[in-house]
Amino acid sequence: KNESEKSKRTIGALYMTMNNPYFEVINEEIKAVVESKGDVLETRDSGMDAKVQAKQVEKFIEEKVDCILINAVYVWNQVPAMLWQRVWFRDLRKKAGIPVIAVDTLIYNRSFVDGTVVSNNYQAGKQCAKDLMKRRKKGKILFLVQSENKSAIDRIKGFKETLEKAGWKYENVGELECQGQLELSQPLVEKVLNKTKDIDVV
């Protein structure tokens, strides 16, 4: 909270990509709250590039923002990701004294950040599966996956395991790597649909 007599605070927000309506919604909701307190939100799109995001973090530190919200670009459980998280989150942040909050992304070592706000993505997958089972008795499913993102992995896992536990009959007709981006996923799906119409669910 910010009292009216205090100067404006600047919060820096970084997202792995803004080419995803999901992150647009998150950012707009954060912005509404931040601005209602008389503060400023600076948003950056990292374009799915960890090196770009690292430079953006450094820039925010140079600008002495009051807080950093980050949706990290990284490959879950791979050494390079762990190393850059250690460098940018733990070392630079603590030297600068800027609190860092991880948004909708799990950090492999939570001690690197001051807080984490995430969805229960496994549960989200379960809810999608339950909704599907209400609508159909069986189906052929085309999966859009983001195999390097923990939240996407958990959603697919929750979805599949819920269908399987319920004994709901489905056929996996393919898994397309889309990096959670519309410009990649849309042409991939169109290509599949041009070859076959025999798909019930994407």
Protein backbone atom coordinates (compact mmCIF):
# COMPACT_ATOMS: atom_id res chain seq x y z
CA LYS A 1 0.00 0.00 0.00
CA ASN A 2 1.13 3.54 -0.65
CA GLU A 3 0.00 6.59 1.25
CA SER A 4 -0.89 9.63 -0.81
CA GLU A 5 1.80 11.87 0.71
CA LYS A 6 4.60 9.50 -0.35
CA SER A 7 6.34 9.76 -3.72
CA LYS A 8 5.43 7.34 -6.48
CA ARG A 9 7.10 3.94 -6.41
CA THR A 10 8.12 2.14 -9.59
CA ILE A 11 7.52 -1.58 -9.98
CA GLY A 12 9.25 -3.41 -12.82
CA ALA A 13 7.42 -6.37 -14.38
CA LEU A 14 9.09 -8.86 -16.72
CA TYR A 15 7.27 -11.60 -18.62
CA MET A 16 8.70 -14.48 -20.63
CA THR A 17 6.43 -13.30 -23.47
CA MET A 18 3.60 -10.86 -23.97
CA ASN A 19 2.52 -12.78 -27.08
CA ASN A 20 0.07 -14.66 -24.88
CA PRO A 21 -3.32 -13.26 -23.77
CA TYR A 22 -2.81 -14.89 -20.37
CA PHE A 23 0.11 -12.60 -19.51
CA GLU A 24 -1.71 -9.59 -20.90
CA VAL A 25 -4.53 -10.20 -18.43
CA ILE A 26 -2.14 -10.71 -15.51
CA ASN A 27 -0.26 -7.52 -16.34
CA GLU A 28 -3.43 -5.45 -16.70
CA GLU A 29 -4.70 -6.65 -13.31
CA ILE A 30 -1.36 -5.87 -11.63
CA LYS A 31 -1.27 -2.47 -13.33
CA ALA A 32 -4.76 -1.61 -12.10
CA VAL A 33 -3.80 -2.32 -8.49
CA VAL A 34 -0.42 -0.58 -8.72
CA GLU A 35 -1.87 2.58 -10.28
CA SER A 36 -4.76 2.65 -7.79
CA LYS A 37 -2.08 3.12 -5.09
CA GLY A 38 -0.53 6.02 -6.97
CA ASP A 39 2.46 4.00 -8.16
CA VAL A 40 3.89 3.16 -11.61
CA LEU A 41 4.24 -0.20 -13.38
CA GLU A 42 6.97 -0.60 -16.02
CA THR A 43 6.39 -3.74 -18.15
CA ARG A 44 8.97 -5.57 -20.26
CA ASP A 45 8.55 -8.41 -22.78
CA SER A 46 11.52 -10.80 -22.72
CA GLY A 47 10.51 -12.54 -25.96
CA MET A 48 11.27 -16.03 -24.59
CA ASP A 49 14.96 -15.09 -24.37
CA ALA A 50 16.69 -15.62 -21.00
CA LYS A 51 19.63 -13.41 -22.00
CA VAL A 52 17.31 -10.56 -22.90
CA GLN A 53 15.48 -10.97 -19.62
CA ALA A 54 18.74 -10.97 -17.66
CA LYS A 55 19.66 -7.62 -19.25
CA GLN A 56 16.20 -6.30 -18.43
CA VAL A 57 16.66 -7.31 -14.79
CA GLU A 58 20.02 -5.53 -14.73
CA LYS A 59 18.45 -2.41 -16.26
CA PHE A 60 15.74 -2.34 -13.59
CA ILE A 61 18.43 -2.64 -10.93
CA GLU A 62 20.35 0.27 -12.50
CA GLU A 63 17.14 2.32 -12.51
CA LYS A 64 16.66 1.44 -8.82
CA VAL A 65 13.05 0.31 -9.17
CA ASP A 66 11.32 -0.40 -5.87
CA CYS A 67 10.30 -3.98 -6.71
CA ILE A 68 10.69 -6.50 -9.52
CA LEU A 69 7.93 -8.90 -10.58
CA ILE A 70 9.30 -11.64 -12.82
CA ASN A 71 7.83 -14.40 -14.92
CA ALA A 72 11.14 -16.12 -15.61
CA VAL A 73 12.36 -17.43 -18.95
CA TYR A 74 14.21 -20.69 -18.35
CA VAL A 75 14.28 -24.39 -19.01
CA TRP A 76 12.97 -26.15 -15.93
CA ASN A 77 15.64 -28.14 -14.03
CA GLN A 78 18.50 -27.45 -16.45
CA VAL A 79 21.84 -26.26 -15.11
CA PRO A 80 22.12 -23.05 -17.22
CA ALA A 81 18.77 -21.89 -15.89
CA MET A 82 19.84 -22.56 -12.31
CA LEU A 83 23.06 -20.64 -12.82
CA TRP A 84 21.45 -17.54 -14.30
CA GLN A 85 18.76 -17.53 -11.66
CA ARG A 86 21.46 -17.61 -8.99
CA VAL A 87 23.33 -14.73 -10.61
CA TRP A 88 20.41 -12.44 -11.40
CA PHE A 89 18.03 -13.19 -8.57
CA ARG A 90 20.28 -13.85 -5.61
CA ASP A 91 23.51 -11.92 -6.20
CA LEU A 92 22.46 -8.75 -8.03
CA ARG A 93 19.09 -8.40 -6.31
CA LYS A 94 20.47 -8.70 -2.79
CA LYS A 95 23.28 -6.24 -3.52
CA ALA A 96 20.74 -3.77 -4.85
CA GLY A 97 18.26 -4.40 -2.04
CA ILE A 98 15.31 -4.70 -4.42
CA PRO A 99 12.61 -7.25 -3.51
CA VAL A 100 11.84 -9.76 -6.27
CA ILE A 101 8.52 -11.60 -6.61
CA ALA A 102 8.21 -14.58 -8.96
CA VAL A 103 4.90 -14.46 -10.83
CA ASP A 104 3.30 -17.61 -12.26
CA THR A 105 6.61 -19.41 -12.57
CA LEU A 106 8.38 -21.70 -10.15
CA ILE A 107 11.93 -20.80 -9.22
CA TYR A 108 13.94 -23.96 -8.59
CA ASN A 109 15.42 -22.40 -5.42
CA ARG A 110 12.84 -20.16 -3.77
CA SER A 111 15.48 -18.59 -1.49
CA PHE A 112 16.54 -16.57 -4.56
CA VAL A 113 13.33 -14.53 -4.43
CA ASP A 114 11.34 -12.75 -1.73
CA GLY A 115 8.03 -14.25 -2.72
CA THR A 116 6.27 -16.48 -5.22
CA VAL A 117 2.73 -16.14 -6.57
CA VAL A 118 1.68 -19.08 -8.74
CA SER A 119 -1.42 -20.86 -9.92
CA ASN A 120 -1.99 -24.47 -8.92
CA ASN A 121 -1.42 -25.59 -12.48
CA TYR A 122 -1.99 -29.30 -11.82
CA GLN A 123 -5.38 -28.38 -10.37
CA ALA A 124 -6.09 -26.16 -13.39
CA GLY A 125 -5.45 -29.16 -15.64
CA LYS A 126 -7.83 -31.25 -13.53
CA GLN A 127 -10.58 -28.64 -13.85
CA CYS A 128 -10.16 -28.53 -17.64
CA ALA A 129 -10.45 -32.32 -17.78
CA LYS A 130 -13.58 -32.34 -15.61
CA ASP A 131 -15.18 -29.72 -17.83
CA LEU A 132 -14.35 -31.74 -20.94
CA MET A 133 -15.84 -34.92 -19.46
CA LYS A 134 -19.13 -33.09 -18.87
CA ARG A 135 -19.24 -32.12 -22.54
CA ARG A 136 -18.11 -35.33 -24.25
CA LYS A 137 -17.97 -39.07 -23.61
CA LYS A 138 -14.73 -39.58 -25.54
CA GLY A 139 -12.47 -37.72 -27.91
CA LYS A 140 -9.38 -37.33 -30.05
CA ILE A 141 -7.14 -34.69 -28.52
CA LEU A 142 -4.40 -32.56 -30.04
CA PHE A 143 -2.13 -31.18 -27.30
CA LEU A 144 -0.33 -27.84 -27.44
CA VAL A 145 2.64 -28.23 -25.11
CA GLN A 146 5.42 -26.10 -23.67
CA SER A 147 7.84 -28.78 -22.54
CA GLU A 148 10.34 -26.34 -21.02
CA ASN A 149 7.82 -24.62 -18.76
CA LYS A 150 6.91 -26.17 -15.40
CA SER A 151 3.44 -24.61 -15.20
CA ALA A 152 2.52 -25.94 -18.66
CA ILE A 153 3.93 -29.37 -17.79
CA ASP A 154 1.81 -29.49 -14.63
CA ARG A 155 -1.39 -28.44 -16.43
CA ILE A 156 -1.03 -31.16 -19.06
CA LYS A 157 -0.20 -33.71 -16.36
CA GLY A 158 -3.26 -32.78 -14.30
CA PHE A 159 -5.43 -32.92 -17.41
CA LYS A 160 -4.23 -36.34 -18.61
CA GLU A 161 -4.16 -38.01 -15.19
CA THR A 162 -7.70 -36.87 -14.41
CA LEU A 163 -9.03 -38.32 -17.68
CA GLU A 164 -7.14 -41.56 -17.14
CA LYS A 165 -8.26 -42.00 -13.52
CA ALA A 166 -11.86 -41.46 -14.59
CA GLY A 167 -11.47 -44.05 -17.35
CA TRP A 168 -12.44 -41.45 -19.94
CA LYS A 169 -11.49 -42.71 -23.37
CA TYR A 170 -9.30 -40.41 -25.38
CA GLU A 171 -6.79 -40.69 -28.17
CA ASN A 172 -3.69 -38.50 -28.19
CA VAL A 173 -3.42 -37.50 -31.85
CA GLY A 174 -0.26 -35.44 -31.33
CA GLU A 175 1.66 -32.96 -29.21
CA LEU A 176 2.78 -29.69 -30.77
CA GLU A 177 5.54 -27.62 -29.19
CA CYS A 178 4.25 -24.04 -29.18
CA GLN A 179 6.21 -22.24 -26.41
CA GLY A 180 2.92 -20.81 -25.17
CA GLN A 181 2.77 -18.32 -28.05
CA LEU A 182 -0.08 -17.61 -30.45
CA GLU A 183 2.13 -16.88 -33.46
CA LEU A 184 3.64 -20.37 -33.16
CA SER A 185 0.60 -22.38 -32.09
CA GLN A 186 -1.93 -21.04 -34.59
CA PRO A 187 -0.08 -22.04 -37.80
CA LEU A 188 0.82 -25.42 -36.28
CA VAL A 189 -2.83 -26.18 -35.53
CA GLU A 190 -3.94 -24.92 -38.96
CA LYS A 191 -1.41 -27.24 -40.60
CA VAL A 192 -2.77 -30.24 -38.70
CA LEU A 193 -6.38 -29.32 -39.43
CA ASN A 194 -5.61 -29.00 -43.14
CA LYS A 195 -4.47 -32.62 -43.09
CA THR A 196 -7.25 -34.03 -40.92
CA LYS A 197 -10.54 -32.87 -39.46
CA ASP A 198 -10.63 -35.90 -37.19
CA ILE A 199 -9.85 -33.97 -33.99
CA ASP A 200 -12.37 -33.29 -31.25
CA VAL A 201 -10.34 -31.22 -28.79
CA VAL A 202 -7.27 -28.97 -28.81
